[in-house]
């Protein structure tokens, strides 16, 4: 469910950004910390790897597949939330890579939230939060998956 919320929020905010902002405009939101500024990013964070957009498409597809595979045996709500945030962000970025200009599997990600040293989007926020949660859950020793043969946790039923 969280993945769907992240995907929807990211794509709707990108739709808004593309329709409301120009590439030359910078709109103050919380000066001087946060501005809206429309960018089309062919690379990764900080525009690294701009010539290898297809690689990021493959990485996003592999991440989605890996998260879906792992999610089949989750052991805790914390891991479900962390992987949900990661899945939503990865699916949204994969959609941008597959379907945005300049072409299939070479699309540029829409970024519009300018934090100063970098410009991102809602999916980036979800990915960052998911990664932080993943590290915290790992450090706390919360098990990711149930042991093979272990019964899935049963939700309480309402009378």
Protein backbone atom coordinates (compact mmCIF):
# COMPACT_ATOMS: atom_id res chain seq x y z
CA UNK A 1 0.00 0.00 0.00
CA UNK A 2 2.79 2.45 0.87
CA UNK A 3 4.44 1.76 -2.48
CA UNK A 4 1.25 2.73 -4.31
CA UNK A 5 0.93 5.94 -2.27
CA UNK A 6 4.56 6.89 -3.01
CA UNK A 7 4.13 6.11 -6.72
CA UNK A 8 0.92 8.13 -6.98
CA UNK A 9 2.26 11.09 -4.96
CA UNK A 10 5.49 11.17 -6.98
CA UNK A 11 3.82 11.00 -10.36
CA UNK A 12 1.13 13.56 -9.46
CA UNK A 13 3.70 16.04 -8.13
CA UNK A 14 5.83 15.52 -11.26
CA UNK A 15 2.76 16.15 -13.42
CA UNK A 16 2.18 19.37 -11.48
CA UNK A 17 5.85 20.41 -11.77
CA UNK A 18 5.96 19.83 -15.53
CA UNK A 19 2.74 21.80 -16.06
CA UNK A 20 3.42 24.65 -13.58
CA UNK A 21 7.18 25.26 -13.69
CA UNK A 22 9.55 26.24 -16.44
CA UNK A 23 13.16 25.12 -16.65
CA UNK A 24 14.37 28.69 -16.10
CA UNK A 25 12.10 29.45 -13.13
CA UNK A 26 13.05 29.11 -9.45
CA UNK A 27 10.18 29.46 -6.96
CA UNK A 28 10.97 30.04 -3.29
CA UNK A 29 9.11 27.64 -0.97
CA UNK A 30 11.09 27.97 2.29
CA UNK A 31 13.79 30.52 1.48
CA UNK A 32 16.69 30.02 1.40
CA UNK A 33 16.41 26.26 2.05
CA UNK A 34 13.88 24.90 -0.45
CA UNK A 35 12.85 26.08 -3.90
CA UNK A 36 10.95 24.53 -6.80
CA UNK A 37 13.05 24.28 -9.96
CA UNK A 38 12.23 21.98 -12.89
CA UNK A 39 15.01 19.72 -14.13
CA UNK A 40 15.08 16.60 -16.30
CA UNK A 41 17.78 14.33 -14.91
CA UNK A 42 19.27 11.69 -17.24
CA UNK A 43 21.64 10.46 -14.52
CA UNK A 44 21.56 9.44 -10.88
CA UNK A 45 21.93 11.61 -7.78
CA UNK A 46 23.83 14.83 -8.49
CA UNK A 47 23.44 14.01 -12.24
CA UNK A 48 26.15 11.35 -12.02
CA UNK A 49 26.30 9.06 -15.04
CA UNK A 50 24.27 11.18 -17.45
CA UNK A 51 25.52 9.13 -20.39
CA UNK A 52 24.40 5.81 -18.89
CA UNK A 53 20.66 6.31 -18.49
CA UNK A 54 19.94 2.78 -19.74
CA UNK A 55 22.06 1.39 -16.87
CA UNK A 56 19.86 3.18 -14.33
CA UNK A 57 16.81 1.70 -16.06
CA UNK A 58 18.23 -1.81 -15.56
CA UNK A 59 19.20 -1.06 -11.94
CA UNK A 60 15.69 0.25 -11.16
CA UNK A 61 14.10 -2.84 -12.76
CA UNK A 62 16.41 -5.14 -10.78
CA UNK A 63 15.61 -3.24 -7.56
CA UNK A 64 11.87 -3.61 -8.16
CA UNK A 65 12.25 -7.33 -8.84
CA UNK A 66 14.47 -7.82 -5.78
CA UNK A 67 12.10 -5.95 -3.46
CA UNK A 68 9.08 -7.89 -4.73
CA UNK A 69 10.94 -11.17 -4.26
CA UNK A 70 12.06 -10.26 -0.73
CA UNK A 71 8.65 -8.95 0.31
CA UNK A 72 7.09 -12.42 0.02
CA UNK A 73 8.45 -13.45 3.44
CA UNK A 74 8.66 -10.24 5.47
CA UNK A 75 8.84 -10.67 9.22
CA UNK A 76 7.88 -7.21 10.48
CA UNK A 77 5.85 -4.10 9.83
CA UNK A 78 9.03 -2.01 9.92
CA UNK A 79 10.54 -3.96 7.04
CA UNK A 80 7.25 -3.78 5.15
CA UNK A 81 7.23 0.02 5.46
CA UNK A 82 10.91 0.34 4.50
CA UNK A 83 10.52 -1.89 1.46
CA UNK A 84 7.23 -0.19 0.55
CA UNK A 85 8.96 3.20 0.45
CA UNK A 86 11.82 1.74 -1.60
CA UNK A 87 9.45 -0.05 -3.98
CA UNK A 88 7.32 3.05 -4.59
CA UNK A 89 10.36 5.19 -5.33
CA UNK A 90 11.99 2.57 -7.55
CA UNK A 91 8.81 1.91 -9.56
CA UNK A 92 8.27 5.64 -10.09
CA UNK A 93 11.83 6.18 -11.28
CA UNK A 94 11.58 3.10 -13.49
CA UNK A 95 8.42 4.55 -15.06
CA UNK A 96 10.24 7.80 -15.79
CA UNK A 97 13.17 5.91 -17.31
CA UNK A 98 10.89 3.77 -19.47
CA UNK A 99 8.30 6.29 -20.66
CA UNK A 100 9.67 9.84 -20.57
CA UNK A 101 11.67 11.66 -23.23
CA UNK A 102 14.06 11.20 -24.92
CA UNK A 103 12.89 7.59 -25.41
CA UNK A 104 12.16 4.14 -24.07
CA UNK A 105 14.62 3.02 -21.36
CA UNK A 106 16.49 6.32 -21.76
CA UNK A 107 13.96 8.65 -20.14
CA UNK A 108 14.93 11.46 -17.84
CA UNK A 109 13.61 11.64 -14.27
CA UNK A 110 11.66 14.79 -13.41
CA UNK A 111 13.26 16.59 -10.46
CA UNK A 112 11.82 19.77 -9.00
CA UNK A 113 12.49 20.07 -5.24
CA UNK A 114 15.69 22.14 -4.94
CA UNK A 115 17.43 21.61 -1.58
CA UNK A 116 20.51 23.63 -2.48
CA UNK A 117 23.21 21.04 -3.16
CA UNK A 118 20.77 18.80 -5.06
CA UNK A 119 17.37 18.74 -6.77
CA UNK A 120 15.04 15.77 -6.26
CA UNK A 121 11.43 14.62 -6.12
CA UNK A 122 9.00 12.73 -3.89
CA UNK A 123 10.41 9.34 -4.98
CA UNK A 124 13.88 10.46 -3.87
CA UNK A 125 12.50 11.36 -0.44
CA UNK A 126 10.83 7.93 -0.17
CA UNK A 127 14.02 6.17 -1.31
CA UNK A 128 16.10 8.08 1.24
CA UNK A 129 13.64 7.35 4.07
CA UNK A 130 13.47 3.69 3.02
CA UNK A 131 17.26 3.40 3.05
CA UNK A 132 17.52 5.05 6.49
CA UNK A 133 14.84 2.67 7.81
CA UNK A 134 16.64 -0.29 6.26
CA UNK A 135 19.88 0.65 8.04
CA UNK A 136 18.11 1.25 11.38
CA UNK A 137 16.22 -2.06 11.19
CA UNK A 138 19.46 -3.86 10.36
CA UNK A 139 21.35 -2.19 13.22
CA UNK A 140 18.56 -3.11 15.65
CA UNK A 141 18.71 -6.75 14.50
CA UNK A 142 15.09 -6.85 13.32
CA UNK A 143 14.78 -9.95 11.11
CA UNK A 144 13.97 -9.22 7.49
CA UNK A 145 12.37 -12.51 6.54
CA UNK A 146 10.74 -15.46 8.18
CA UNK A 147 12.65 -18.71 8.29
CA UNK A 148 11.65 -21.25 5.63
CA UNK A 149 8.64 -23.22 6.84
CA UNK A 150 7.71 -20.63 9.46
CA UNK A 151 4.06 -19.67 9.38
CA UNK A 152 3.25 -16.10 8.31
CA UNK A 153 2.04 -13.82 11.08
CA UNK A 154 -1.73 -13.88 11.42
CA UNK A 155 -3.60 -10.63 11.67
CA UNK A 156 -6.20 -10.47 14.43
CA UNK A 157 -9.73 -10.84 13.14
CA UNK A 158 -12.53 -8.51 14.13
CA UNK A 159 -15.73 -10.14 15.45
